[in-house]
Amino acid sequence: MALFNTLSDFLWTYVVITMLVGCALYFTWNLRGVQFTMLPTMLRNLFKPSTDTFESIGKRKISSFQAFAISLSSRVGTGNLAGVASAIFVGGPGAVFWMWVMALLGASTAFMEATLAQLFKRRGQESFYGGPAYYMKYGLKRPWMGILFAVFIIYGFGLANQIVQSNTLCDAIGEAFSIPIEYAAIGLTLLTLVIIFGGIHRIARFCAMVVPFMALGYIVLAFYILVVNFTQIPAMLSLIVRSAFGWEQAAGGAVGIAIMQGVKRGLFSNEAGEGSAPNAAATATIPHPVMQGLLQSLGVFTDTLVICTCTAFIILLSGLYTEGADGIILTAHAMDHHLGKFGAWFLTAAIFLFAYSTIIANYFYGETNIRFICDRPWVINLFRVASGVVVLAGGFMTLQQAWSIVDLAMALMTILNLVAVCMLSRYAFRLLKDFREQRKQGKDPVFNPGIFPEADLEGWE
C-alpha cells in the first residue's frame, strides 16, 4: 500500500492534474465550448431512434440510449456516495467546488474520447465494440499502445475499481442490517456472475432499466432535503467557495488538498478523460459519431453537477463532515440526520443499485479490452470468474486500501488516454465541424467516412 500511495501521489501531483486541466481547456477552446453551446442537442439526441444500416444486415444492436446508460451506470456509482464523502472528509467543503470546475471543463474531454471511440469502432458478432485501445491501434497505428492501455483498464476497471464498489456496498449493508461482511460479499458475487455471464445485451438491458430510476429517486430525495433546509443553502454555498480558495483555512496546503481531492474524486466519479466511458460509447448504433460524443458530455454533467452535488449538499447540510467518519459511513450518518431510519434504508437501496450497476458496467469495460488482447471464449470466461473473485475480495478490504489501488489505476489510464486523444484530436474537431455544417443545412447529420480516406473505419463501411 505504501508503494501504491507513493507512486500515485507523484503521478497525481505532477502529471495527471496538469494534463487533465490543460487538455480540458484546449478541447473546450477548439470545440467552441461544445459542452455548453450544444446542451439542447444533447437532450434531443438522448432518445432519438437509430437509423444505422448495421440493423439492416440482421445484427442486434445497442441503442444510443443503452450505450449512454452503460457509461452512466459506471459513472454513477460509489464515487457519487462514498467518493464525494471522502473528498469532503480529506479536502474539506472546497473540494466540491473543484469537482464542479473539472466537470464543466472535463465534459469537453468526454466528448473527444467518445467521438473518437465511435469513429474507430469495429463490428462484432452482436454489436459494435471499441474504445481507447482501438483508436490507439486503428487511429494512431500503434498496437503496442492499445495493448498497454487495455492492460491498464483491465487492471483499473475490471479489477481495482470493483474493489471500491464491493467494499462500499458491503459496508453499507453491514451498517444498515448488521449482516456479516462475508455473507454480503458472497451474495454480491453471485448476483454479479449471473449478469456478466449473460453478455453485453443483458448488461445493456439491465443498465437501461436500472440507471434512470436509481438516479431519479436519489435526486428527488436530495431535492426534498434541500427544501427542508432551504434557509441554510446560502451559508453552505458560501462555505464551499470560501473553502475552495482557502480563505478560512489555517494550513497553507489547504487549497492544494481541496483541489487534489476534488479532481481525484471528480475523475473517479465522472471518468472524463480516463478512457473508460468510450468503451460503452463505441457500442452505439448511430448515424454520426458526434451524437454519442454529445451524450457522453451530458453524462458528465448528470454525474457530477447533479448526483455528486446532491451527495455533497446532503453531507454539508448535516454538519457531520467534521466528526471523523469517512466514505459511505459519513453519507449514511448524514442521511440518518436528515431522514432518520428511512434515510439509512434508502441509502442502502441506493448504494446497492449504484454500486451493483457500476460493477456490471466496469466488468464490460474489462471484457471489451480482454477481447482486444485475446478474443477467445475461454479467456473471457476466465476473466468473468476472476471478476467474481475480486468482487468477493473487495468486501474484506479497508476503504483506504481500495482507494490507493484505484487512484494509481486511474492515473495510468488517464495519462495514456489523454496522450492518444490529443494526437487524434483533429479527427474529432473535423467531425464536429461536419456535424454543425449538416445541421445548418437543415439535415439530420449522417457521417460519410469518405471525409477521412486515410483512416481505417471498418465500423462505418
Protein backbone atom coordinates (compact mmCIF):
# COMPACT_ATOMS: atom_id res chain seq x y z
CA MET A 1 0.00 0.00 0.00
CA ALA A 2 2.89 2.38 0.73
CA LEU A 3 4.29 1.77 -2.76
CA PHE A 4 0.88 2.35 -4.35
CA ASN A 5 0.45 5.61 -2.41
CA THR A 6 3.91 6.96 -3.25
CA LEU A 7 3.62 6.32 -6.98
CA SER A 8 0.02 7.53 -7.11
CA ASP A 9 0.78 10.76 -5.23
CA PHE A 10 3.66 11.55 -7.58
CA LEU A 11 1.61 10.98 -10.74
CA TRP A 12 -1.38 12.95 -9.49
CA THR A 13 0.63 15.87 -8.13
CA TYR A 14 2.95 16.41 -11.08
CA VAL A 15 1.35 14.81 -14.12
CA VAL A 16 -2.35 13.93 -14.06
CA ILE A 17 -3.86 17.20 -12.82
CA THR A 18 -1.74 19.23 -15.23
CA MET A 19 -2.79 17.05 -18.16
CA LEU A 20 -6.48 17.00 -17.20
CA VAL A 21 -6.76 20.76 -16.83
CA GLY A 22 -4.56 21.54 -19.84
CA CYS A 23 -6.39 19.15 -22.17
CA ALA A 24 -9.83 20.25 -20.96
CA LEU A 25 -9.01 23.90 -21.64
CA TYR A 26 -7.52 23.05 -25.06
CA PHE A 27 -10.51 20.97 -26.11
CA THR A 28 -13.06 23.49 -24.79
CA TRP A 29 -11.41 26.27 -26.80
CA ASN A 30 -11.11 24.33 -30.05
CA LEU A 31 -14.60 22.87 -29.80
CA ARG A 32 -16.01 26.34 -29.10
CA GLY A 33 -17.46 25.26 -25.79
CA VAL A 34 -19.45 22.39 -27.27
CA GLN A 35 -20.45 21.15 -23.80
CA PHE A 36 -22.32 24.41 -23.23
CA THR A 37 -23.48 25.55 -26.67
CA MET A 38 -24.94 22.19 -27.73
CA LEU A 39 -26.66 21.18 -24.48
CA PRO A 40 -30.15 21.30 -26.10
CA THR A 41 -28.90 18.99 -28.86
CA MET A 42 -27.59 16.55 -26.27
CA LEU A 43 -31.04 16.29 -24.69
CA ARG A 44 -32.79 15.85 -28.05
CA ASN A 45 -30.39 13.12 -29.17
CA LEU A 46 -30.79 11.10 -25.98
CA PHE A 47 -33.90 9.28 -27.17
CA LYS A 48 -33.50 9.75 -30.91
CA PRO A 49 -34.05 6.44 -32.76
CA SER A 50 -31.16 4.96 -34.70
CA THR A 51 -31.18 4.57 -38.48
CA ASP A 52 -27.77 2.97 -38.95
CA THR A 53 -27.55 0.27 -41.62
CA PHE A 54 -25.97 -2.17 -39.17
CA GLU A 55 -29.51 -3.19 -38.19
CA SER A 56 -30.43 -3.95 -41.80
CA ILE A 57 -27.94 -6.78 -42.10
CA GLY A 58 -29.55 -8.74 -39.28
CA LYS A 59 -27.25 -7.79 -36.42
CA ARG A 60 -28.53 -6.99 -32.97
CA LYS A 61 -27.59 -3.53 -31.86
CA ILE A 62 -27.05 -1.32 -28.83
CA SER A 63 -29.08 1.88 -28.94
CA SER A 64 -27.59 5.28 -28.27
CA PHE A 65 -29.55 5.44 -25.01
CA GLN A 66 -28.37 1.98 -23.91
CA ALA A 67 -24.74 2.94 -24.56
CA PHE A 68 -25.34 6.13 -22.60
CA ALA A 69 -26.90 4.09 -19.78
CA ILE A 70 -23.95 1.67 -19.64
CA SER A 71 -21.46 4.54 -19.36
CA LEU A 72 -23.69 6.39 -16.87
CA SER A 73 -24.04 3.26 -14.74
CA SER A 74 -20.25 3.17 -14.48
CA ARG A 75 -20.08 6.88 -13.69
CA VAL A 76 -22.97 6.82 -11.24
CA GLY A 77 -21.60 4.55 -8.56
CA THR A 78 -19.89 4.70 -5.21
CA GLY A 79 -17.95 7.75 -6.39
CA ASN A 80 -21.21 9.66 -6.08
CA LEU A 81 -21.77 8.49 -2.49
CA ALA A 82 -18.53 7.31 -0.88
CA GLY A 83 -16.19 9.24 -3.21
CA VAL A 84 -17.78 12.63 -2.57
CA ALA A 85 -17.82 11.91 1.16
CA SER A 86 -14.11 11.02 1.11
CA ALA A 87 -13.30 14.18 -0.87
CA ILE A 88 -15.06 16.33 1.73
CA PHE A 89 -13.53 14.36 4.62
CA VAL A 90 -9.96 14.85 3.33
CA GLY A 91 -10.16 18.11 1.34
CA GLY A 92 -12.97 19.95 3.12
CA PRO A 93 -16.06 21.58 1.56
CA GLY A 94 -13.84 23.32 -1.01
CA ALA A 95 -13.26 20.00 -2.79
CA VAL A 96 -16.86 20.21 -4.04
CA PHE A 97 -16.09 23.44 -5.90
CA TRP A 98 -13.16 21.85 -7.73
CA MET A 99 -15.29 18.86 -8.63
CA TRP A 100 -17.69 21.30 -10.33
CA VAL A 101 -14.88 23.02 -12.21
CA MET A 102 -13.47 19.74 -13.51
CA ALA A 103 -16.93 18.60 -14.62
CA LEU A 104 -17.59 21.80 -16.59
CA LEU A 105 -14.24 21.61 -18.34
CA GLY A 106 -13.93 17.83 -18.46
CA ALA A 107 -17.18 17.43 -20.40
CA SER A 108 -15.22 18.55 -23.48
CA THR A 109 -12.71 15.76 -22.89
CA ALA A 110 -15.56 13.26 -22.58
CA PHE A 111 -16.88 14.50 -25.92
CA MET A 112 -13.50 13.98 -27.58
CA GLU A 113 -12.85 10.44 -26.37
CA ALA A 114 -16.40 9.21 -27.03
CA THR A 115 -16.44 10.68 -30.56
CA LEU A 116 -13.11 9.03 -31.36
CA ALA A 117 -14.34 5.72 -29.96
CA GLN A 118 -17.35 5.90 -32.29
CA LEU A 119 -15.19 6.81 -35.28
CA PHE A 120 -12.78 3.91 -34.89
CA LYS A 121 -15.27 1.30 -33.62
CA ARG A 122 -15.27 -2.25 -35.01
CA ARG A 123 -18.03 -4.68 -35.93
CA GLY A 124 -18.66 -7.61 -33.62
CA GLN A 125 -20.98 -10.59 -33.83
CA GLU A 126 -23.62 -8.98 -31.61
CA SER A 127 -22.81 -5.28 -31.60
CA PHE A 128 -20.12 -2.72 -32.30
CA TYR A 129 -17.21 -2.50 -29.90
CA GLY A 130 -14.30 -0.15 -29.38
CA GLY A 131 -12.63 2.30 -27.01
CA PRO A 132 -9.22 3.88 -26.43
CA ALA A 133 -7.31 0.65 -27.16
CA TYR A 134 -8.98 0.54 -30.56
CA TYR A 135 -8.41 4.16 -31.55
CA MET A 136 -4.81 3.79 -30.46
CA LYS A 137 -4.43 0.76 -32.73
CA TYR A 138 -6.50 1.81 -35.74
CA GLY A 139 -6.26 5.59 -35.41
CA LEU A 140 -2.70 6.10 -34.23
CA LYS A 141 -1.44 2.86 -35.84
CA ARG A 142 0.26 1.96 -32.55
CA PRO A 143 -0.96 -1.51 -31.49
CA TRP A 144 1.52 -1.63 -28.61
CA MET A 145 -0.09 1.48 -27.14
CA GLY A 146 -3.52 -0.12 -27.42
CA ILE A 147 -2.34 -3.25 -25.64
CA LEU A 148 -0.77 -1.19 -22.86
CA PHE A 149 -3.99 0.76 -22.34
CA ALA A 150 -6.02 -2.45 -22.43
CA VAL A 151 -3.84 -3.82 -19.63
CA PHE A 152 -4.33 -0.61 -17.63
CA ILE A 153 -8.12 -0.61 -17.99
CA ILE A 154 -8.40 -4.34 -17.22
CA TYR A 155 -6.44 -3.65 -14.04
CA GLY A 156 -8.26 -0.37 -13.32
CA PHE A 157 -11.87 -1.22 -14.09
CA GLY A 158 -12.03 -4.96 -14.46
CA LEU A 159 -10.28 -5.44 -11.13
CA ALA A 160 -9.25 -2.43 -8.96
CA ASN A 161 -12.43 -0.38 -9.37
CA GLN A 162 -14.53 -3.37 -8.44
CA ILE A 163 -12.84 -3.45 -5.05
CA VAL A 164 -14.15 0.02 -4.13
CA GLN A 165 -17.67 -0.78 -5.33
CA SER A 166 -17.79 -4.09 -3.44
CA ASN A 167 -16.19 -2.62 -0.31
CA THR A 168 -18.65 0.27 -0.19
CA LEU A 169 -21.71 -1.88 -0.82
CA CYS A 170 -20.75 -4.47 1.79
CA ASP A 171 -20.06 -1.70 4.33
CA ALA A 172 -23.47 -0.14 3.64
CA ILE A 173 -25.30 -3.45 4.02
CA GLY A 174 -23.41 -4.23 7.20
CA GLU A 175 -24.13 -0.77 8.65
CA ALA A 176 -27.86 -0.90 7.86
CA PHE A 177 -28.73 -4.54 8.57
CA SER A 178 -25.84 -5.83 10.71
CA ILE A 179 -25.19 -8.54 8.10
CA PRO A 180 -21.69 -10.11 8.33
CA ILE A 181 -19.33 -8.93 5.60
CA GLU A 182 -18.70 -12.43 4.31
CA TYR A 183 -22.41 -13.03 3.65
CA ALA A 184 -22.83 -9.69 1.89
CA ALA A 185 -19.73 -10.29 -0.25
CA ILE A 186 -20.81 -13.79 -1.29
CA GLY A 187 -24.32 -12.62 -2.19
CA LEU A 188 -22.98 -9.71 -4.25
CA THR A 189 -20.56 -12.00 -6.07
CA LEU A 190 -23.31 -14.44 -7.08
CA LEU A 191 -25.54 -11.62 -8.35
CA THR A 192 -22.64 -10.22 -10.38
CA LEU A 193 -21.84 -13.55 -12.03
CA VAL A 194 -25.47 -14.03 -13.08
CA ILE A 195 -25.41 -10.83 -15.11
CA ILE A 196 -21.90 -10.88 -16.56
CA PHE A 197 -22.23 -14.41 -17.90
CA GLY A 198 -25.23 -13.15 -19.89
CA GLY A 199 -23.17 -10.98 -22.28
CA ILE A 200 -23.32 -7.36 -23.47
CA HIS A 201 -27.03 -7.32 -24.35
CA ARG A 202 -28.05 -8.46 -20.88
CA ILE A 203 -25.72 -5.80 -19.47
CA ALA A 204 -27.23 -3.15 -21.76
CA ARG A 205 -30.82 -4.05 -20.85
CA PHE A 206 -30.00 -4.16 -17.14
CA CYS A 207 -28.31 -0.75 -17.18
CA ALA A 208 -31.01 0.87 -19.31
CA MET A 209 -33.68 -0.27 -16.84
CA VAL A 210 -31.88 0.44 -13.56
CA VAL A 211 -29.84 3.62 -14.09
CA PRO A 212 -32.60 6.17 -14.83
CA PHE A 213 -34.71 5.06 -11.87
CA MET A 214 -31.91 4.93 -9.33
CA ALA A 215 -30.62 8.37 -10.36
CA LEU A 216 -34.07 9.98 -10.38
CA GLY A 217 -35.00 8.58 -6.96
CA TYR A 218 -31.79 9.87 -5.42
CA ILE A 219 -32.25 13.32 -6.96
CA VAL A 220 -35.84 13.56 -5.67
CA LEU A 221 -34.72 12.68 -2.14
CA ALA A 222 -31.90 15.23 -2.26
CA PHE A 223 -34.33 17.88 -3.50
CA TYR A 224 -36.60 17.16 -0.53
CA ILE A 225 -33.66 17.62 1.87
CA LEU A 226 -32.77 20.92 0.18
CA VAL A 227 -36.34 22.19 0.52
CA VAL A 228 -36.47 21.29 4.20
CA ASN A 229 -33.12 23.03 4.81
CA PHE A 230 -33.73 25.91 2.39
CA THR A 231 -32.60 28.65 4.76
CA GLN A 232 -29.17 27.02 5.19
CA ILE A 233 -28.35 26.82 1.47
CA PRO A 234 -26.75 30.31 1.06
CA ALA A 235 -24.40 29.70 4.00
CA MET A 236 -23.48 26.27 2.61
CA LEU A 237 -22.64 27.67 -0.85
CA SER A 238 -20.58 30.41 0.75
CA LEU A 239 -18.69 27.80 2.78
CA ILE A 240 -17.89 25.80 -0.37
CA VAL A 241 -16.47 28.83 -2.19
CA ARG A 242 -14.51 30.14 0.79
CA SER A 243 -13.03 26.72 1.48
CA ALA A 244 -12.13 26.20 -2.20
CA PHE A 245 -9.72 29.14 -2.10
CA GLY A 246 -8.51 28.64 1.45
CA TRP A 247 -9.79 31.96 2.74
CA GLU A 248 -10.74 30.38 6.05
CA GLN A 249 -8.03 27.76 6.19
CA ALA A 250 -5.22 27.96 8.71
CA ALA A 251 -2.96 25.46 6.96
CA GLY A 252 -1.07 26.68 3.91
CA GLY A 253 -1.70 23.48 1.98
CA ALA A 254 -5.48 23.52 2.41
CA VAL A 255 -6.16 24.80 -1.12
CA GLY A 256 -3.92 22.18 -2.69
CA ILE A 257 -5.58 19.39 -0.74
CA ALA A 258 -9.05 20.60 -1.74
CA ILE A 259 -8.07 20.78 -5.42
CA MET A 260 -6.41 17.37 -5.34
CA GLN A 261 -9.36 15.67 -3.70
CA GLY A 262 -11.88 17.45 -5.90
CA VAL A 263 -10.09 16.43 -9.09
CA LYS A 264 -9.35 12.87 -7.93
CA ARG A 265 -12.83 12.02 -6.74
CA GLY A 266 -14.41 14.00 -9.56
CA LEU A 267 -12.49 11.92 -12.10
CA PHE A 268 -13.34 8.70 -10.29
CA SER A 269 -17.00 9.65 -10.50
CA ASN A 270 -17.42 11.21 -13.97
CA GLU A 271 -14.45 9.45 -15.67
CA ALA A 272 -13.91 12.29 -18.20
CA GLY A 273 -10.53 11.66 -19.83
CA GLU A 274 -9.94 8.38 -18.06
CA GLY A 275 -10.76 6.29 -21.12
CA SER A 276 -13.45 4.07 -19.62
CA ALA A 277 -16.74 5.53 -20.94
CA PRO A 278 -15.58 5.39 -24.61
CA ASN A 279 -15.77 1.60 -24.38
CA ALA A 280 -19.54 1.95 -23.93
CA ALA A 281 -19.86 4.86 -26.35
CA ALA A 282 -18.39 2.75 -29.17
CA THR A 283 -21.18 0.16 -28.95
CA ALA A 284 -23.97 2.53 -30.01
CA THR A 285 -25.58 2.25 -33.44
CA ILE A 286 -25.95 5.88 -34.55
CA PRO A 287 -25.70 7.85 -37.82
CA HIS A 288 -22.90 10.23 -36.73
CA PRO A 289 -20.08 9.84 -34.17
CA VAL A 290 -20.68 13.31 -32.71
CA MET A 291 -24.09 12.24 -31.41
CA GLN A 292 -22.53 9.86 -28.90
CA GLY A 293 -19.85 12.39 -28.02
CA LEU A 294 -22.57 14.84 -27.04
CA LEU A 295 -24.33 12.24 -24.91
CA GLN A 296 -21.13 11.43 -23.04
CA SER A 297 -20.71 15.13 -22.24
CA LEU A 298 -24.24 15.07 -20.88
CA GLY A 299 -23.26 12.05 -18.78
CA VAL A 300 -20.51 14.07 -17.07
CA PHE A 301 -22.96 16.83 -16.20
CA THR A 302 -25.53 14.33 -14.93
CA ASP A 303 -22.97 12.57 -12.78
CA THR A 304 -21.06 15.42 -11.18
CA LEU A 305 -23.20 18.56 -11.39
CA VAL A 306 -26.37 16.73 -10.39
CA ILE A 307 -25.79 13.48 -8.48
CA CYS A 308 -22.43 14.24 -6.82
CA THR A 309 -23.77 17.66 -5.86
CA CYS A 310 -26.79 16.00 -4.24
CA THR A 311 -24.49 13.94 -2.02
CA ALA A 312 -22.30 16.93 -1.18
CA PHE A 313 -25.29 19.04 -0.15
CA ILE A 314 -26.75 16.23 1.96
CA ILE A 315 -23.44 15.88 3.84
CA LEU A 316 -22.70 19.60 4.24
CA LEU A 317 -26.23 20.46 5.39
CA SER A 318 -25.94 17.80 8.08
CA GLY A 319 -22.80 19.41 9.53
CA LEU A 320 -21.35 15.96 10.28
CA TYR A 321 -18.35 16.13 7.95
CA THR A 322 -16.04 17.22 10.79
CA GLU A 323 -16.86 14.29 13.09
CA GLY A 324 -14.32 11.82 11.71
CA ALA A 325 -16.48 9.49 9.60
CA ASP A 326 -15.31 8.74 6.06
CA GLY A 327 -16.76 7.26 2.88
CA ILE A 328 -20.17 5.67 2.84
CA ILE A 329 -20.36 5.77 6.64
CA LEU A 330 -20.28 9.60 6.52
CA THR A 331 -23.01 9.65 3.87
CA ALA A 332 -25.08 7.19 5.93
CA HIS A 333 -24.78 9.36 9.04
CA ALA A 334 -25.83 12.42 7.05
CA MET A 335 -28.86 10.58 5.67
CA ASP A 336 -29.80 9.42 9.14
CA HIS A 337 -29.51 13.01 10.38
CA HIS A 338 -31.96 14.27 7.77
CA LEU A 339 -34.40 11.37 7.46
CA GLY A 340 -33.94 9.11 10.46
CA LYS A 341 -34.15 5.36 9.93
CA PHE A 342 -35.73 5.82 6.49
CA GLY A 343 -32.56 7.59 5.36
CA ALA A 344 -30.39 4.60 6.24
CA TRP A 345 -32.74 2.20 4.43
CA PHE A 346 -32.95 4.41 1.36
CA LEU A 347 -29.19 4.87 1.22
CA THR A 348 -28.66 1.13 1.42
CA ALA A 349 -31.03 0.62 -1.51
CA ALA A 350 -29.36 3.44 -3.44
CA ILE A 351 -25.84 2.20 -2.82
CA PHE A 352 -26.90 -1.30 -3.87
CA LEU A 353 -28.22 -0.04 -7.20
CA PHE A 354 -25.38 2.44 -7.70
CA ALA A 355 -22.57 0.04 -6.82
CA TYR A 356 -24.08 -3.05 -8.43
CA SER A 357 -24.76 -1.36 -11.76
CA THR A 358 -21.23 0.08 -11.68
CA ILE A 359 -19.74 -3.36 -11.06
CA ILE A 360 -21.62 -4.66 -14.12
CA ALA A 361 -20.55 -1.75 -16.35
CA ASN A 362 -16.94 -1.96 -15.14
CA TYR A 363 -16.87 -5.63 -15.98
CA PHE A 364 -18.00 -4.76 -19.52
CA TYR A 365 -15.08 -2.34 -19.89
CA GLY A 366 -12.70 -5.06 -18.79
CA GLU A 367 -14.21 -7.64 -21.16
CA THR A 368 -14.01 -5.25 -24.12
CA ASN A 369 -10.29 -4.85 -23.57
CA ILE A 370 -9.71 -8.52 -22.84
CA ARG A 371 -11.17 -9.15 -26.31
CA PHE A 372 -8.74 -6.60 -27.74
CA ILE A 373 -5.78 -8.61 -26.45
CA CYS A 374 -7.12 -12.17 -26.85
CA ASP A 375 -10.66 -12.75 -28.12
CA ARG A 376 -11.08 -16.39 -27.09
CA PRO A 377 -14.12 -17.75 -25.20
CA TRP A 378 -12.08 -19.49 -22.51
CA VAL A 379 -10.17 -16.28 -21.77
CA ILE A 380 -13.43 -14.32 -21.45
CA ASN A 381 -14.89 -16.95 -19.10
CA LEU A 382 -11.70 -16.94 -17.03
CA PHE A 383 -11.95 -13.16 -16.71
CA ARG A 384 -15.58 -13.48 -15.62
CA VAL A 385 -14.57 -15.84 -12.84
CA ALA A 386 -11.68 -13.53 -11.85
CA SER A 387 -14.13 -10.61 -11.67
CA GLY A 388 -16.25 -12.58 -9.24
CA VAL A 389 -13.21 -13.32 -7.09
CA VAL A 390 -12.24 -9.63 -6.98
CA VAL A 391 -15.77 -8.58 -6.03
CA LEU A 392 -15.65 -11.15 -3.22
CA ALA A 393 -12.25 -9.93 -2.01
CA GLY A 394 -13.33 -6.28 -2.07
CA GLY A 395 -15.73 -6.87 0.80
CA PHE A 396 -12.85 -7.71 3.13
CA MET A 397 -10.55 -4.72 2.41
CA THR A 398 -10.49 -1.29 4.07
CA LEU A 399 -11.73 1.76 2.17
CA GLN A 400 -8.33 3.48 2.13
CA GLN A 401 -6.64 0.34 0.76
CA ALA A 402 -9.23 0.25 -2.01
CA TRP A 403 -8.73 3.94 -2.85
CA SER A 404 -4.95 3.51 -3.01
CA ILE A 405 -5.26 0.80 -5.65
CA VAL A 406 -7.85 2.70 -7.68
CA ASP A 407 -6.02 6.06 -7.64
CA LEU A 408 -2.96 4.52 -9.25
CA ALA A 409 -5.07 2.74 -11.86
CA MET A 410 -6.88 5.98 -12.74
CA ALA A 411 -3.60 7.85 -13.12
CA LEU A 412 -2.07 5.32 -15.52
CA MET A 413 -5.22 5.12 -17.67
CA THR A 414 -5.71 8.88 -17.81
CA ILE A 415 -2.15 9.71 -18.82
CA LEU A 416 -2.06 7.25 -21.71
CA ASN A 417 -5.58 8.06 -22.90
CA LEU A 418 -5.07 11.83 -22.94
CA VAL A 419 -1.90 11.45 -24.98
CA ALA A 420 -3.83 9.45 -27.59
CA VAL A 421 -6.82 11.83 -27.63
CA CYS A 422 -4.55 14.84 -28.19
CA MET A 423 -2.76 13.07 -31.04
CA LEU A 424 -6.11 12.22 -32.69
CA SER A 425 -7.88 15.47 -31.84
CA ARG A 426 -8.02 16.66 -35.48
CA TYR A 427 -10.50 13.89 -36.27
CA ALA A 428 -12.90 14.98 -33.52
CA PHE A 429 -12.58 18.65 -34.47
CA ARG A 430 -13.37 17.83 -38.11
CA LEU A 431 -16.31 15.61 -37.14
CA LEU A 432 -17.90 18.36 -35.05
CA LYS A 433 -17.46 20.81 -37.91
CA ASP A 434 -19.16 18.35 -40.29
CA PHE A 435 -22.00 17.79 -37.78
CA ARG A 436 -22.61 21.52 -37.39
CA GLU A 437 -22.50 22.14 -41.15
CA GLN A 438 -25.13 19.48 -41.81
CA ARG A 439 -27.38 20.89 -39.09
CA LYS A 440 -27.10 24.38 -40.60
CA GLN A 441 -28.31 22.90 -43.88
CA GLY A 442 -31.39 21.56 -42.11
CA LYS A 443 -30.24 17.94 -42.32
CA ASP A 444 -30.15 15.17 -39.75
CA PRO A 445 -26.36 14.67 -39.69
CA VAL A 446 -25.13 11.41 -41.24
CA PHE A 447 -21.44 10.56 -41.23
CA ASN A 448 -19.68 9.98 -44.55
CA PRO A 449 -16.45 8.02 -43.93
CA GLY A 450 -15.11 9.44 -47.18
CA ILE A 451 -14.04 12.62 -45.36
CA PHE A 452 -11.23 10.55 -43.80
CA PRO A 453 -9.92 8.46 -46.74
CA GLU A 454 -6.69 7.71 -44.88
CA ALA A 455 -8.39 6.21 -41.80
CA ASP A 456 -9.31 2.59 -41.06
CA LEU A 457 -13.04 2.97 -40.36
CA GLU A 458 -14.28 -0.63 -40.54
CA GLY A 459 -17.26 0.14 -38.30
CA TRP A 460 -18.63 2.65 -40.81
CA GLU A 461 -18.12 0.72 -44.04
